[in-house]
Amino acid sequence: DMFLMIWRHKTTIFMDAKQSSTVFELKRIVKGILNLPPDEQRLQTARPQAPATVGLAFQADDTFETLCIEPFSNPSKLPDVMKPQDSGSSANEQAMQ
């Protein structure tokens, strides 16, 4: 079985489905909950630009560790010397010409 969370605005639907379930079957489950026909629904899939999240926990002895998913870190700011310069020439370049 697969366990899915489907989000729309402030609505969250938790469902379980067989791994072989089709998109249409998932939409029929949503129809049973929200009373919206499958042809008026669009389920978004995971893509490289927006991957799905799957948690991973390791087993130590007889129990699994608590699942912990950390958000991606933000890159630190670039030092000024590494920032791109304006396309116009600087005063130093003008003096050297």
C-alpha atoms as a PDB file:
ATOM      1  CA  ASP A   1       0.000   0.000   0.000  1.00  0.00           C
ATOM      2  CA  MET A   2       0.944   3.646  -0.560  1.00  0.00           C
ATOM      3  CA  PHE A   3      -0.122   6.455   1.728  1.00  0.00           C
ATOM      4  CA  LEU A   4      -0.757   9.817   0.112  1.00  0.00           C
ATOM      5  CA  MET A   5      -1.493  13.341   1.272  1.00  0.00           C
ATOM      6  CA  ILE A   6      -3.343  15.488  -1.238  1.00  0.00           C
ATOM      7  CA  TRP A   7      -3.491  19.231  -0.574  1.00  0.00           C
ATOM      8  CA  ARG A   8      -5.741  21.941  -1.958  1.00  0.00           C
ATOM      9  CA  HIS A   9      -5.945  25.305  -0.195  1.00  0.00           C
ATOM     10  CA  LYS A  10      -6.741  24.443   3.444  1.00  0.00           C
ATOM     11  CA  THR A  11      -8.029  20.951   2.639  1.00  0.00           C
ATOM     12  CA  THR A  12      -5.792  17.945   3.250  1.00  0.00           C
ATOM     13  CA  ILE A  13      -6.887  14.467   2.183  1.00  0.00           C
ATOM     14  CA  PHE A  14      -5.085  11.449   3.600  1.00  0.00           C
ATOM     15  CA  MET A  15      -5.566   8.296   1.557  1.00  0.00           C
ATOM     16  CA  ASP A  16      -4.056   4.914   1.060  1.00  0.00           C
ATOM     17  CA  ALA A  17      -3.982   3.180  -2.293  1.00  0.00           C
ATOM     18  CA  LYS A  18      -2.459   0.162  -3.938  1.00  0.00           C
ATOM     19  CA  GLN A  19       0.834   0.745  -5.689  1.00  0.00           C
ATOM     20  CA  SER A  20      -0.898  -0.302  -8.919  1.00  0.00           C
ATOM     21  CA  SER A  21      -3.683   2.313  -8.553  1.00  0.00           C
ATOM     22  CA  THR A  22      -4.273   4.511 -11.581  1.00  0.00           C
ATOM     23  CA  VAL A  23      -4.663   8.279 -11.480  1.00  0.00           C
ATOM     24  CA  PHE A  24      -8.335   7.818 -12.372  1.00  0.00           C
ATOM     25  CA  GLU A  25      -8.814   5.548  -9.332  1.00  0.00           C
ATOM     26  CA  LEU A  26      -7.220   8.187  -7.091  1.00  0.00           C
ATOM     27  CA  LYS A  27      -9.530  10.821  -8.571  1.00  0.00           C
ATOM     28  CA  ARG A  28     -12.533   8.590  -7.833  1.00  0.00           C
ATOM     29  CA  ILE A  29     -11.477   8.468  -4.176  1.00  0.00           C
ATOM     30  CA  VAL A  30     -11.246  12.287  -4.162  1.00  0.00           C
ATOM     31  CA  LYS A  31     -14.703  12.418  -5.787  1.00  0.00           C
ATOM     32  CA  GLY A  32     -16.084  10.333  -2.921  1.00  0.00           C
ATOM     33  CA  ILE A  33     -14.708  12.840  -0.413  1.00  0.00           C
ATOM     34  CA  LEU A  34     -15.211  16.203  -2.153  1.00  0.00           C
ATOM     35  CA  ASN A  35     -18.049  15.277  -4.553  1.00  0.00           C
ATOM     36  CA  LEU A  36     -16.148  16.666  -7.554  1.00  0.00           C
ATOM     37  CA  PRO A  37     -16.083  14.597 -10.783  1.00  0.00           C
ATOM     38  CA  PRO A  38     -12.682  13.197 -11.876  1.00  0.00           C
ATOM     39  CA  ASP A  39     -12.716  15.212 -15.129  1.00  0.00           C
ATOM     40  CA  GLU A  40     -12.797  18.427 -13.047  1.00  0.00           C
ATOM     41  CA  GLN A  41      -9.688  17.451 -11.060  1.00  0.00           C
ATOM     42  CA  ARG A  42      -5.990  17.632 -11.840  1.00  0.00           C
ATOM     43  CA  LEU A  43      -3.540  15.793  -9.623  1.00  0.00           C
ATOM     44  CA  GLN A  44      -0.007  17.156  -9.753  1.00  0.00           C
ATOM     45  CA  THR A  45       2.863  14.733 -10.078  1.00  0.00           C
ATOM     46  CA  ALA A  46       6.423  14.928  -8.867  1.00  0.00           C
ATOM     47  CA  ARG A  47       8.984  16.303 -11.305  1.00  0.00           C
ATOM     48  CA  PRO A  48      12.699  17.086 -11.059  1.00  0.00           C
ATOM     49  CA  GLN A  49      11.846  20.768 -10.448  1.00  0.00           C
ATOM     50  CA  ALA A  50       9.272  19.872  -7.757  1.00  0.00           C
ATOM     51  CA  PRO A  51      10.127  16.463  -6.312  1.00  0.00           C
ATOM     52  CA  ALA A  52       7.937  14.512  -3.921  1.00  0.00           C
ATOM     53  CA  THR A  53       9.172  14.120  -0.357  1.00  0.00           C
ATOM     54  CA  VAL A  54       9.787  10.620   0.958  1.00  0.00           C
ATOM     55  CA  GLY A  55      11.063  10.274   4.506  1.00  0.00           C
ATOM     56  CA  LEU A  56      13.957   7.934   5.314  1.00  0.00           C
ATOM     57  CA  ALA A  57      14.751   6.604   8.786  1.00  0.00           C
ATOM     58  CA  PHE A  58      17.426   4.077   9.715  1.00  0.00           C
ATOM     59  CA  GLN A  59      17.034   1.167  12.072  1.00  0.00           C
ATOM     60  CA  ALA A  60      19.321   0.978  15.078  1.00  0.00           C
ATOM     61  CA  ASP A  61      19.049  -2.251  17.066  1.00  0.00           C
ATOM     62  CA  ASP A  62      15.327  -3.136  17.117  1.00  0.00           C
ATOM     63  CA  THR A  63      13.779   0.305  16.566  1.00  0.00           C
ATOM     64  CA  PHE A  64      13.823   2.937  13.863  1.00  0.00           C
ATOM     65  CA  GLU A  65      15.090   6.409  14.556  1.00  0.00           C
ATOM     66  CA  THR A  66      12.563   9.243  14.672  1.00  0.00           C
ATOM     67  CA  LEU A  67      11.966  10.674  11.227  1.00  0.00           C
ATOM     68  CA  CYS A  68      13.580  14.086  10.871  1.00  0.00           C
ATOM     69  CA  ILE A  69      13.389  16.052   7.629  1.00  0.00           C
ATOM     70  CA  GLU A  70      15.408  19.263   7.676  1.00  0.00           C
ATOM     71  CA  PRO A  71      14.621  22.053   5.198  1.00  0.00           C
ATOM     72  CA  PHE A  72      17.267  22.857   2.627  1.00  0.00           C
ATOM     73  CA  SER A  73      19.751  25.409   3.880  1.00  0.00           C
ATOM     74  CA  ASN A  74      19.889  28.820   2.288  1.00  0.00           C
ATOM     75  CA  PRO A  75      23.203  29.644   0.663  1.00  0.00           C
ATOM     76  CA  SER A  76      25.223  32.283   2.441  1.00  0.00           C
ATOM     77  CA  LYS A  77      25.546  35.723   0.860  1.00  0.00           C
ATOM     78  CA  LEU A  78      28.337  36.205  -1.644  1.00  0.00           C
ATOM     79  CA  PRO A  79      31.125  38.564  -0.605  1.00  0.00           C
ATOM     80  CA  ASP A  80      31.048  41.842  -2.557  1.00  0.00           C
ATOM     81  CA  VAL A  81      34.231  40.925  -4.459  1.00  0.00           C
ATOM     82  CA  MET A  82      32.486  37.844  -5.878  1.00  0.00           C
ATOM     83  CA  LYS A  83      29.292  39.622  -6.964  1.00  0.00           C
ATOM     84  CA  PRO A  84      28.896  40.354 -10.685  1.00  0.00           C
ATOM     85  CA  GLN A  85      30.069  43.809 -11.670  1.00  0.00           C
ATOM     86  CA  ASP A  86      28.106  46.294 -13.786  1.00  0.00           C
ATOM     87  CA  SER A  87      28.571  45.971 -17.529  1.00  0.00           C
ATOM     88  CA  GLY A  88      29.943  49.536 -17.696  1.00  0.00           C
ATOM     89  CA  SER A  89      33.669  50.024 -17.215  1.00  0.00           C
ATOM     90  CA  SER A  90      34.904  51.108 -13.811  1.00  0.00           C
ATOM     91  CA  ALA A  91      37.035  54.162 -13.011  1.00  0.00           C
ATOM     92  CA  ASN A  92      40.137  51.924 -12.767  1.00  0.00           C
ATOM     93  CA  GLU A  93      39.513  50.490 -16.236  1.00  0.00           C
ATOM     94  CA  GLN A  94      39.043  53.985 -17.683  1.00  0.00           C
ATOM     95  CA  ALA A  95      42.289  55.187 -16.100  1.00  0.00           C
ATOM     96  CA  MET A  96      44.209  52.214 -17.533  1.00  0.00           C
ATOM     97  CA  GLN A  97      43.058  52.824 -21.135  1.00  0.00           C
END
